[in-house]
Amino acid sequence: MTTDFAETQSFLKAIRLININNDDCSFETGKIPAQQNINANYFFAKTDVSRLENIPHPAPRRQFVITIKGKLKFTVTNGDTFILEPGVVLIANDTKGAGHTWEVIEGDEWERIYIPLGNDADDYFIKD
């Protein structure tokens, strides 16, 4: 019996920050394929939380943000919010405008890995 790859493919939950209208920030919920090769040249890790917490800012580049430890609330331009925690991939694609804010809502730590994407690289996001 042959199994179709599309039927057995697994996914990771993802939230993508996007620019809409006049550079407002919004978000979409969805998923990315778990075994998809993503074209990236480097990654880096961060643990600091004080510099940008509760300060509106756009993403400095298109990037994946993989949370290892921490639970955060993100807020976008219209006041809508979402929770980011380990197991949810954030795709930061809101590179214009005022951007988003975030705050740590459990504890005082946020350990994460950033994986920058090239301007033309596919993020493989599938919207819900």
Protein backbone atom coordinates (compact mmCIF):
# COMPACT_ATOMS: atom_id res chain seq x y z
CA MET A 1 0.00 0.00 0.00
CA THR A 2 1.38 3.43 -0.97
CA THR A 3 0.71 6.40 1.27
CA ASP A 4 0.39 9.83 -0.29
CA PHE A 5 2.90 12.25 1.30
CA ALA A 6 0.28 15.03 1.39
CA GLU A 7 -1.97 12.84 3.53
CA THR A 8 0.75 12.07 6.10
CA GLN A 9 2.51 15.43 6.21
CA SER A 10 2.59 17.06 9.63
CA PHE A 11 2.50 20.76 10.37
CA LEU A 12 3.60 23.25 12.99
CA LYS A 13 1.17 25.90 14.23
CA ALA A 14 2.22 29.35 12.99
CA ILE A 15 1.19 32.98 13.29
CA ARG A 16 2.32 35.48 10.67
CA LEU A 17 2.60 39.22 11.33
CA ILE A 18 1.75 41.14 8.15
CA ASN A 19 1.38 44.70 6.88
CA ILE A 20 -2.08 45.73 5.64
CA ASN A 21 -3.65 48.98 4.44
CA ASN A 22 -1.30 51.91 5.09
CA ASP A 23 1.44 49.84 6.72
CA ASP A 24 -0.76 48.81 9.65
CA CYS A 25 0.22 45.58 11.38
CA SER A 26 -2.12 42.60 11.55
CA PHE A 27 -1.73 38.84 11.86
CA GLU A 28 -2.90 35.58 10.33
CA THR A 29 -3.09 32.17 11.97
CA GLY A 30 -2.13 29.02 10.13
CA LYS A 31 0.61 26.44 9.84
CA ILE A 32 3.86 25.54 8.12
CA PRO A 33 4.92 22.08 6.92
CA ALA A 34 7.05 20.37 9.58
CA GLN A 35 9.62 18.86 7.20
CA GLN A 36 9.94 21.72 4.73
CA ASN A 37 13.47 22.86 3.94
CA ILE A 38 13.61 26.62 4.38
CA ASN A 39 16.28 28.64 2.62
CA ALA A 40 18.16 30.51 5.36
CA ASN A 41 21.84 31.39 5.66
CA TYR A 42 22.14 31.89 9.42
CA PHE A 43 20.28 32.10 12.71
CA PHE A 44 20.88 33.68 16.09
CA ALA A 45 19.48 33.40 19.60
CA LYS A 46 18.36 36.03 22.11
CA THR A 47 17.32 35.99 25.73
CA ASP A 48 16.92 39.71 26.56
CA VAL A 49 13.42 41.08 27.05
CA SER A 50 13.79 44.64 28.27
CA ARG A 51 14.81 46.53 25.11
CA LEU A 52 11.62 46.29 23.00
CA GLU A 53 8.99 45.00 25.43
CA ASN A 54 5.82 47.14 25.19
CA ILE A 55 7.42 49.41 22.55
CA PRO A 56 5.75 49.47 19.10
CA HIS A 57 8.17 48.35 16.39
CA PRO A 58 8.13 46.64 12.98
CA ALA A 59 10.17 43.52 12.35
CA PRO A 60 13.71 44.53 11.35
CA ARG A 61 13.64 41.89 8.59
CA ARG A 62 11.45 38.99 7.43
CA GLN A 63 12.20 36.19 9.88
CA PHE A 64 11.01 33.14 11.73
CA VAL A 65 10.98 33.48 15.52
CA ILE A 66 11.11 30.18 17.36
CA THR A 67 10.23 30.51 21.05
CA ILE A 68 12.08 28.05 23.27
CA LYS A 69 10.95 29.43 26.62
CA GLY A 70 8.41 32.07 27.54
CA LYS A 71 4.80 33.07 26.97
CA LEU A 72 4.03 36.43 25.38
CA LYS A 73 1.08 38.53 24.32
CA PHE A 74 1.49 40.31 20.98
CA THR A 75 -0.70 43.29 20.07
CA VAL A 76 -1.17 44.63 16.53
CA THR A 77 -2.32 48.03 15.22
CA ASN A 78 -6.08 47.58 15.75
CA GLY A 79 -5.63 46.23 19.29
CA ASP A 80 -6.12 42.55 18.42
CA THR A 81 -3.85 40.21 20.36
CA PHE A 82 -2.47 36.68 20.20
CA ILE A 83 -0.42 34.49 22.51
CA LEU A 84 3.01 33.23 21.47
CA GLU A 85 4.52 30.28 23.32
CA PRO A 86 6.77 27.30 22.61
CA GLY A 87 5.26 25.16 19.86
CA VAL A 88 4.02 28.15 17.84
CA VAL A 89 6.22 29.55 15.07
CA LEU A 90 6.08 33.31 14.59
CA ILE A 91 6.72 34.60 11.09
CA ALA A 92 7.56 38.29 11.42
CA ASN A 93 6.69 39.89 8.10
CA ASP A 94 5.50 43.33 9.30
CA THR A 95 8.59 45.24 8.19
CA LYS A 96 6.88 48.62 7.66
CA GLY A 97 4.86 51.05 9.73
CA ALA A 98 4.50 51.21 13.50
CA GLY A 99 4.58 47.42 13.82
CA HIS A 100 3.53 45.41 16.83
CA THR A 101 4.14 45.26 20.58
CA TRP A 102 4.79 42.31 22.81
CA GLU A 103 4.99 41.64 26.52
CA VAL A 104 6.02 38.63 28.57
CA ILE A 105 2.91 37.40 30.42
CA GLU A 106 4.32 34.48 32.40
CA GLY A 107 7.61 34.80 34.22
CA ASP A 108 10.27 37.19 33.01
CA GLU A 109 12.10 35.21 30.31
CA TRP A 110 11.87 34.85 26.56
CA GLU A 111 14.39 32.53 24.96
CA ARG A 112 14.11 32.47 21.17
CA ILE A 113 15.88 31.77 17.92
CA TYR A 114 15.63 34.10 14.93
CA ILE A 115 15.96 32.69 11.42
CA PRO A 116 16.14 35.57 8.92
CA LEU A 117 14.59 35.05 5.48
CA GLY A 118 15.69 36.58 2.21
CA ASN A 119 13.28 39.08 0.67
CA ASP A 120 12.17 36.58 -1.97
CA ALA A 121 12.33 33.42 0.20
CA ASP A 122 9.09 31.48 0.61
CA ASP A 123 7.89 31.22 4.23
CA TYR A 124 5.62 28.23 3.36
CA PHE A 125 2.84 29.65 5.52
CA ILE A 126 -0.60 28.13 4.98
CA LYS A 127 -3.39 30.36 6.28
CA ASP A 128 -6.24 28.77 8.29
